[in-house]
Amino acid sequence: MKKLFTVLLLLALALVCVSAGCVASPADSGDGTITITDAAGRVVTVPDDPQRIAVSGSGSSRYFAYLNVTDRLVAIDYQDSNLLNFNNDVRPYMLAHPEIKELPALGTAKGVVDAERLLSINPDILFMAGYSDTAIQSANEIQEKTGIPVVLFYSGDYVTNGDKVASSLRMIGKILHADERAESVIQYFADVRTDLETRTAGISDADKPSVYIAGISYSGAHGIDGTDPTYYPFTVLHTMNVASVINATTSTGYAAVAKEQILAWDADIIFVDLGTMSAAGGGAIYELQNDPSYQELTAVKTDAVYAVNPHTSMGTNHETSMANAYYIGTILYPELFADIDSAEKANDIYTFIDGAPVYEQLKANLNNLSYTKLVL
């Protein structure tokens, strides 16, 4: 009777695991593979703890830097390779791991996977950033054509889809036996957010200056019209983001705003994402310096325009979002952030997440304007 009870209990637990979408352990498969459900809901059988990894999609190497497994990469996306002429890189994971660029590219454009090239490299598994219907179709076709398992993961905005980011990190961590590191990264994200939210939780709206973020990138650099209604630093610092009343139009949070609206909002303080410097026409800094209408803005007149590092470059670099939040906190509420040195804090974050203190290199790549008051 006791033996029968044990068997029934084990069967019940197995059913619960299947219904919850658990990842089977190697012992369950018996053949060195595990079965997972990826970010798009595809059920895929993959090698357990694969050592040769290929990745595809914009910024698709990022999560593997987060998980300290870049030594397993054998092929990368075109945008992460040295085939793309990308001067003054602002991606922290790439500054920390420049060796990634030397790996062979899977295709000749972002997200393109050449099946013959993939087969010649012969990875154990291909991870693709994406979860749309198009991504699903592409993943299925590549897997059927090559026989190499393809796993889709989410790599978008942490503010609006933090659960998807965490789920993808856990999934990748499970496959690569990097579970502990994945949980450490997820917890670090949560701890930073809690710290930032706690510092500013008691501030009344009457004591909050209105703020605007300009020059947010999306599929290239943009001018003052590029903003983010859910900009991470503004969200966790409980700021009065004047653009919060509009909707983001992309997975990274970007939204375009008409000039008339920017003038009508007339934020007390403007922060400029330095990715704008490569925009056509000079970007937000040039516009603020030379457009007579923008020179009438309160922030320009009161010398309250500050530079922050680009958090969007080949996708969202969440570590830069966190570093920016601490800098912005020192500007908006200096007494609440008196213990923070922005450069040191940024390096702390980059060291934990990416494995190296790359703030100074990033700053140098941005004409040393990082975390400065802009001279207009």
Protein backbone atom coordinates (compact mmCIF):
# COMPACT_ATOMS: atom_id res chain seq x y z
CA MET A 1 0.00 0.00 0.00
CA LYS A 2 2.83 2.39 0.89
CA LYS A 3 4.55 1.62 -2.42
CA LEU A 4 1.31 2.28 -4.35
CA PHE A 5 0.88 5.61 -2.56
CA THR A 6 4.43 6.63 -3.51
CA VAL A 7 3.86 5.78 -7.17
CA LEU A 8 0.59 7.76 -7.25
CA LEU A 9 2.27 10.74 -5.57
CA LEU A 10 5.06 10.78 -8.14
CA LEU A 11 2.55 10.61 -10.99
CA ALA A 12 0.58 13.51 -9.49
CA LEU A 13 3.71 15.63 -9.19
CA ALA A 14 4.62 14.87 -12.79
CA LEU A 15 1.18 16.00 -13.98
CA VAL A 16 1.47 19.24 -12.00
CA CYS A 17 4.87 19.94 -13.54
CA VAL A 18 3.60 19.38 -17.09
CA SER A 19 0.57 21.62 -16.57
CA ALA A 20 2.78 24.39 -15.14
CA GLY A 21 5.17 24.31 -18.09
CA CYS A 22 8.16 23.02 -16.12
CA VAL A 23 11.47 22.26 -17.77
CA ALA A 24 12.20 18.56 -17.65
CA SER A 25 15.45 17.56 -15.99
CA PRO A 26 18.10 15.50 -17.82
CA ALA A 27 17.13 12.51 -15.68
CA ASP A 28 13.62 12.71 -17.09
CA SER A 29 14.81 12.46 -20.69
CA GLY A 30 17.56 9.92 -20.28
CA ASP A 31 19.17 10.94 -23.58
CA GLY A 32 20.97 14.17 -22.72
CA THR A 33 18.10 16.42 -23.78
CA ILE A 34 15.45 18.46 -22.00
CA THR A 35 12.12 19.82 -23.18
CA ILE A 36 11.34 23.50 -22.71
CA THR A 37 8.63 25.97 -23.66
CA ASP A 38 10.19 29.06 -25.20
CA ALA A 39 9.07 32.72 -25.10
CA ALA A 40 6.70 32.17 -28.02
CA GLY A 41 5.08 29.09 -26.47
CA ARG A 42 6.90 26.62 -28.72
CA VAL A 43 7.77 23.28 -27.13
CA VAL A 44 11.35 22.46 -28.08
CA THR A 45 13.63 19.56 -27.22
CA VAL A 46 17.16 20.88 -26.72
CA PRO A 47 20.51 19.53 -25.55
CA ASP A 48 21.01 19.66 -21.81
CA ASP A 49 23.79 22.15 -21.01
CA PRO A 50 24.89 22.84 -24.63
CA GLN A 51 28.46 24.08 -25.04
CA ARG A 52 28.24 25.55 -28.57
CA ILE A 53 25.70 28.37 -28.82
CA ALA A 54 24.57 30.46 -31.79
CA VAL A 55 22.46 33.59 -31.30
CA SER A 56 20.41 35.69 -33.69
CA GLY A 57 18.55 38.99 -33.44
CA SER A 58 19.33 42.57 -32.49
CA GLY A 59 21.53 42.59 -29.38
CA SER A 60 21.00 38.86 -28.97
CA SER A 61 24.40 38.32 -27.30
CA ARG A 62 23.37 40.57 -24.39
CA TYR A 63 21.65 38.02 -22.17
CA PHE A 64 24.53 35.59 -22.60
CA ALA A 65 26.90 38.25 -21.28
CA TYR A 66 24.51 38.76 -18.37
CA LEU A 67 24.70 35.02 -17.64
CA ASN A 68 28.50 34.82 -17.95
CA VAL A 69 28.41 32.29 -20.78
CA THR A 70 29.93 34.25 -23.67
CA ASP A 71 32.70 31.65 -23.87
CA ARG A 72 30.13 29.25 -25.32
CA LEU A 73 29.18 31.52 -28.24
CA VAL A 74 30.29 30.20 -31.64
CA ALA A 75 28.16 32.36 -33.97
CA ILE A 76 26.37 35.68 -33.58
CA ASP A 77 23.97 38.07 -35.25
CA TYR A 78 25.22 40.42 -37.97
CA GLN A 79 24.65 43.44 -35.70
CA ASP A 80 26.89 42.00 -32.99
CA SER A 81 29.68 41.18 -35.45
CA ASN A 82 32.56 43.23 -36.83
CA LEU A 83 30.79 43.23 -40.21
CA LEU A 84 28.74 46.16 -38.88
CA ASN A 85 30.80 49.32 -38.82
CA PHE A 86 29.75 50.60 -35.41
CA ASN A 87 32.04 53.32 -34.13
CA ASN A 88 31.93 54.49 -30.52
CA ASP A 89 30.00 51.51 -29.21
CA VAL A 90 27.67 52.22 -26.28
CA ARG A 91 26.54 48.66 -25.57
CA PRO A 92 27.95 47.76 -22.15
CA TYR A 93 27.95 44.03 -22.85
CA MET A 94 30.02 44.57 -25.99
CA LEU A 95 32.46 46.94 -24.28
CA ALA A 96 32.95 44.29 -21.59
CA HIS A 97 33.27 41.47 -24.12
CA PRO A 98 34.77 42.85 -27.35
CA GLU A 99 35.81 39.32 -28.33
CA ILE A 100 32.19 38.64 -29.27
CA LYS A 101 32.60 40.76 -32.41
CA GLU A 102 35.26 38.42 -33.75
CA LEU A 103 32.88 35.47 -33.99
CA PRO A 104 31.32 34.51 -37.34
CA ALA A 105 28.03 36.15 -38.25
CA LEU A 106 25.02 34.01 -39.12
CA GLY A 107 23.85 36.31 -41.90
CA THR A 108 24.28 39.57 -43.75
CA ALA A 109 21.65 41.61 -41.90
CA LYS A 110 19.94 41.84 -38.50
CA GLY A 111 18.07 38.66 -37.65
CA VAL A 112 19.07 36.87 -40.86
CA VAL A 113 20.20 33.27 -40.46
CA ASP A 114 21.86 31.59 -43.42
CA ALA A 115 21.01 27.90 -43.02
CA GLU A 116 24.15 26.70 -44.80
CA ARG A 117 26.34 28.94 -42.69
CA LEU A 118 24.60 27.73 -39.55
CA LEU A 119 25.18 24.10 -40.54
CA SER A 120 28.84 24.74 -41.30
CA ILE A 121 29.35 26.22 -37.81
CA ASN A 122 27.31 23.37 -36.32
CA PRO A 123 26.20 24.79 -32.95
CA ASP A 124 24.33 22.64 -30.45
CA ILE A 125 21.49 25.17 -30.29
CA LEU A 126 20.32 28.46 -31.81
CA PHE A 127 18.76 31.14 -29.60
CA MET A 128 16.72 33.77 -31.48
CA ALA A 129 15.48 37.05 -30.00
CA GLY A 130 11.79 37.42 -30.82
CA TYR A 131 8.35 36.01 -30.15
CA SER A 132 6.17 37.37 -32.97
CA ASP A 133 4.38 35.22 -35.55
CA THR A 134 7.13 36.06 -38.03
CA ALA A 135 9.80 34.97 -35.53
CA ILE A 136 7.93 31.72 -34.87
CA GLN A 137 7.71 30.95 -38.57
CA SER A 138 11.40 31.71 -39.07
CA ALA A 139 12.42 29.58 -36.07
CA ASN A 140 10.34 26.63 -37.27
CA GLU A 141 11.74 26.85 -40.80
CA ILE A 142 15.36 27.01 -39.62
CA GLN A 143 14.87 24.12 -37.23
CA GLU A 144 13.21 21.95 -39.88
CA LYS A 145 15.85 22.79 -42.48
CA THR A 146 18.93 22.27 -40.30
CA GLY A 147 17.85 19.92 -37.54
CA ILE A 148 19.37 22.33 -35.02
CA PRO A 149 16.97 23.19 -32.17
CA VAL A 150 15.86 26.83 -32.18
CA VAL A 151 14.69 28.60 -29.02
CA LEU A 152 12.97 32.00 -29.04
CA PHE A 153 13.49 34.45 -26.17
CA TYR A 154 12.19 37.92 -25.24
CA SER A 155 14.64 40.83 -25.16
CA GLY A 156 12.46 43.94 -24.94
CA ASP A 157 11.64 46.62 -22.39
CA TYR A 158 12.05 45.76 -18.69
CA VAL A 159 9.61 48.44 -17.45
CA THR A 160 6.50 47.16 -19.21
CA ASN A 161 7.51 43.51 -19.64
CA GLY A 162 9.86 42.70 -16.77
CA ASP A 163 8.15 39.34 -16.29
CA LYS A 164 9.02 38.35 -19.86
CA VAL A 165 12.65 39.38 -19.38
CA ALA A 166 12.88 37.37 -16.17
CA SER A 167 11.18 34.37 -17.76
CA SER A 168 13.59 34.36 -20.69
CA LEU A 169 16.63 34.68 -18.44
CA ARG A 170 15.37 31.76 -16.36
CA MET A 171 14.70 29.67 -19.45
CA ILE A 172 18.16 30.30 -20.90
CA GLY A 173 19.71 29.74 -17.49
CA LYS A 174 17.92 26.40 -17.16
CA ILE A 175 19.12 25.19 -20.55
CA LEU A 176 22.73 26.28 -19.90
CA HIS A 177 22.86 25.22 -16.23
CA ALA A 178 23.27 28.90 -15.32
CA ASP A 179 20.18 28.94 -13.08
CA GLU A 180 21.95 30.49 -10.11
CA ARG A 181 23.39 33.33 -12.18
CA ALA A 182 20.03 33.97 -13.83
CA GLU A 183 18.36 34.30 -10.43
CA SER A 184 21.15 36.60 -9.23
CA VAL A 185 20.65 38.93 -12.20
CA ILE A 186 16.87 38.95 -11.78
CA GLN A 187 17.23 39.66 -8.07
CA TYR A 188 19.73 42.44 -8.77
CA PHE A 189 17.25 44.10 -11.12
CA ALA A 190 14.59 43.85 -8.42
CA ASP A 191 16.85 45.14 -5.64
CA VAL A 192 17.91 48.17 -7.65
CA ARG A 193 14.32 48.99 -8.49
CA THR A 194 13.29 48.67 -4.85
CA ASP A 195 16.13 50.95 -3.75
CA LEU A 196 15.22 53.62 -6.31
CA GLU A 197 11.50 53.45 -5.59
CA THR A 198 12.01 53.54 -1.83
CA ARG A 199 14.25 56.61 -1.95
CA THR A 200 11.59 58.69 -3.72
CA ALA A 201 8.35 57.14 -2.47
CA GLY A 202 7.45 59.92 -0.03
CA ILE A 203 7.76 62.91 -2.35
CA SER A 204 4.51 64.76 -3.00
CA ASP A 205 3.57 65.69 -6.55
CA ALA A 206 3.75 69.35 -5.58
CA ASP A 207 7.47 68.95 -4.89
CA LYS A 208 8.27 67.16 -8.15
CA PRO A 209 9.63 69.06 -11.14
CA SER A 210 8.23 68.07 -14.52
CA VAL A 211 10.73 66.19 -16.71
CA TYR A 212 11.19 65.14 -20.32
CA ILE A 213 13.61 62.67 -21.92
CA ALA A 214 14.73 63.63 -25.43
CA GLY A 215 16.73 61.85 -28.10
CA ILE A 216 15.60 58.27 -27.42
CA SER A 217 16.81 55.88 -30.11
CA TYR A 218 14.74 53.41 -32.08
CA SER A 219 15.96 51.83 -35.32
CA GLY A 220 18.52 54.61 -35.37
CA ALA A 221 19.09 57.90 -33.62
CA HIS A 222 16.40 60.55 -33.17
CA GLY A 223 16.21 64.21 -32.20
CA ILE A 224 14.31 65.96 -29.44
CA ASP A 225 11.06 64.42 -30.69
CA GLY A 226 12.15 60.90 -29.64
CA THR A 227 10.93 60.16 -26.12
CA ASP A 228 9.76 57.32 -23.85
CA PRO A 229 6.46 57.48 -21.93
CA THR A 230 7.60 54.63 -19.64
CA TYR A 231 11.25 55.67 -19.33
CA TYR A 232 12.69 53.46 -16.59
CA PRO A 233 14.45 56.17 -14.51
CA PHE A 234 11.35 58.36 -14.52
CA THR A 235 9.11 55.42 -13.62
CA VAL A 236 11.11 54.14 -10.63
CA LEU A 237 11.83 57.66 -9.34
CA HIS A 238 8.11 58.55 -9.39
CA THR A 239 8.78 61.61 -11.54
CA MET A 240 6.35 63.88 -13.35
CA ASN A 241 7.17 62.60 -16.85
CA VAL A 242 5.26 64.94 -19.15
CA ALA A 243 5.23 62.27 -21.88
CA SER A 244 3.57 59.65 -19.67
CA VAL A 245 0.19 60.69 -21.07
CA ILE A 246 1.00 59.25 -24.50
CA ASN A 247 1.50 55.64 -25.56
CA ALA A 248 4.75 53.99 -26.52
CA THR A 249 4.74 52.65 -30.07
CA THR A 250 7.58 50.10 -29.82
CA SER A 251 8.75 47.19 -27.66
CA THR A 252 11.58 49.34 -26.26
CA GLY A 253 9.29 52.19 -25.17
CA TYR A 254 10.05 54.73 -27.90
CA ALA A 255 7.46 57.26 -29.02
CA ALA A 256 7.66 60.24 -31.37
CA VAL A 257 6.27 63.61 -30.24
CA ALA A 258 5.35 66.67 -32.29
CA LYS A 259 7.34 69.85 -31.74
CA GLU A 260 4.19 71.72 -30.71
CA GLN A 261 3.56 69.21 -27.94
CA ILE A 262 7.09 69.49 -26.57
CA LEU A 263 6.70 73.26 -26.43
CA ALA A 264 3.28 72.96 -24.77
CA TRP A 265 4.59 70.57 -22.12
CA ASP A 266 7.56 72.87 -21.40
CA ALA A 267 9.16 70.54 -18.84
CA ASP A 268 11.11 72.06 -15.94
CA ILE A 269 14.07 69.76 -16.59
CA ILE A 270 15.14 68.03 -19.81
CA PHE A 271 17.39 65.00 -19.99
CA VAL A 272 19.00 64.19 -23.32
CA ASP A 273 19.88 60.64 -24.35
CA LEU A 274 23.32 60.96 -25.94
CA GLY A 275 22.42 58.48 -28.64
CA THR A 276 20.92 61.55 -30.32
CA MET A 277 24.39 62.78 -31.31
CA SER A 278 24.40 60.53 -34.37
CA ALA A 279 20.97 61.65 -35.56
CA ALA A 280 20.55 63.37 -38.90
CA GLY A 281 20.67 67.13 -38.53
CA GLY A 282 22.63 67.02 -35.28
CA GLY A 283 19.98 65.62 -32.97
CA ALA A 284 18.43 67.02 -29.81
CA ILE A 285 21.47 68.94 -28.57
CA TYR A 286 21.80 70.82 -31.87
CA GLU A 287 18.06 71.52 -31.90
CA LEU A 288 18.12 72.93 -28.36
CA GLN A 289 21.12 75.09 -29.24
CA ASN A 290 19.81 76.46 -32.52
CA ASP A 291 16.02 76.34 -32.75
CA PRO A 292 14.57 79.67 -31.51
CA SER A 293 11.38 77.95 -30.34
CA TYR A 294 13.26 75.44 -28.18
CA GLN A 295 15.42 78.19 -26.76
CA GLU A 296 12.26 79.53 -25.12
CA LEU A 297 11.78 76.34 -23.13
CA THR A 298 11.99 76.73 -19.35
CA ALA A 299 14.68 74.06 -19.03
CA VAL A 300 16.89 75.81 -21.58
CA LYS A 301 16.39 79.24 -20.01
CA THR A 302 17.16 77.94 -16.53
CA ASP A 303 20.17 75.87 -17.60
CA ALA A 304 18.46 72.62 -16.62
CA VAL A 305 19.38 70.28 -19.49
CA TYR A 306 21.43 67.18 -18.65
CA ALA A 307 23.00 64.32 -20.57
CA VAL A 308 22.35 60.61 -19.91
CA ASN A 309 23.78 57.54 -21.58
CA PRO A 310 21.92 55.72 -24.37
CA HIS A 311 20.00 52.78 -22.94
CA THR A 312 18.68 51.68 -26.33
CA SER A 313 21.32 50.33 -28.69
CA MET A 314 20.60 47.08 -30.49
CA GLY A 315 17.73 46.62 -28.04
CA THR A 316 17.41 47.69 -24.42
CA ASN A 317 20.53 47.74 -22.24
CA HIS A 318 18.80 47.61 -18.88
CA GLU A 319 22.03 48.08 -16.93
CA THR A 320 22.39 51.55 -18.47
CA SER A 321 18.76 52.31 -17.57
CA MET A 322 19.58 51.54 -13.93
CA ALA A 323 22.77 53.62 -13.97
CA ASN A 324 20.88 56.53 -15.57
CA ALA A 325 18.24 56.33 -12.85
CA TYR A 326 20.81 56.91 -10.11
CA TYR A 327 22.30 59.88 -11.98
CA ILE A 328 18.88 61.40 -12.59
CA GLY A 329 18.09 60.89 -8.92
CA THR A 330 21.13 62.98 -7.95
CA ILE A 331 19.87 65.80 -10.16
CA LEU A 332 16.23 65.78 -9.12
CA TYR A 333 16.65 64.93 -5.43
CA PRO A 334 20.28 65.52 -4.43
CA GLU A 335 19.57 65.19 -0.71
CA LEU A 336 18.06 61.72 -1.24
CA PHE A 337 21.00 60.58 -3.37
CA ALA A 338 23.81 62.23 -1.43
CA ASP A 339 25.49 58.83 -1.00
CA ILE A 340 25.67 58.20 -4.76
CA ASP A 341 28.64 58.91 -6.99
CA SER A 342 27.10 58.41 -10.44
CA ALA A 343 30.26 57.11 -12.14
CA GLU A 344 31.05 54.68 -9.34
CA LYS A 345 27.47 53.45 -9.22
CA ALA A 346 27.44 52.92 -12.97
CA ASN A 347 30.63 50.86 -12.75
CA ASP A 348 29.18 48.82 -9.89
CA ILE A 349 26.19 48.00 -12.07
CA TYR A 350 28.22 47.26 -15.20
CA THR A 351 30.64 45.07 -13.27
CA PHE A 352 27.88 42.95 -11.79
CA ILE A 353 25.78 42.65 -14.92
CA ASP A 354 28.36 42.62 -17.72
CA GLY A 355 31.54 41.63 -15.91
CA ALA A 356 33.61 44.81 -16.29
CA PRO A 357 33.57 48.49 -15.15
CA VAL A 358 33.01 50.02 -18.59
CA TYR A 359 31.58 53.43 -17.63
CA GLU A 360 34.69 55.45 -18.49
CA GLN A 361 35.03 53.77 -21.87
CA LEU A 362 31.36 54.38 -22.59
CA LYS A 363 31.76 58.03 -21.56
CA ALA A 364 34.80 58.45 -23.81
CA ASN A 365 32.76 57.07 -26.71
CA LEU A 366 30.21 59.83 -26.05
CA ASN A 367 32.62 62.77 -26.19
CA ASN A 368 32.88 62.72 -22.37
CA LEU A 369 29.38 64.19 -22.07
CA SER A 370 27.95 61.39 -19.94
CA TYR A 371 26.21 62.64 -16.79
CA THR A 372 26.98 66.30 -17.39
CA LYS A 373 24.99 69.51 -17.59
CA LEU A 374 24.84 70.39 -21.30
CA VAL A 375 26.13 73.75 -22.43
CA LEU A 376 23.61 75.20 -24.88
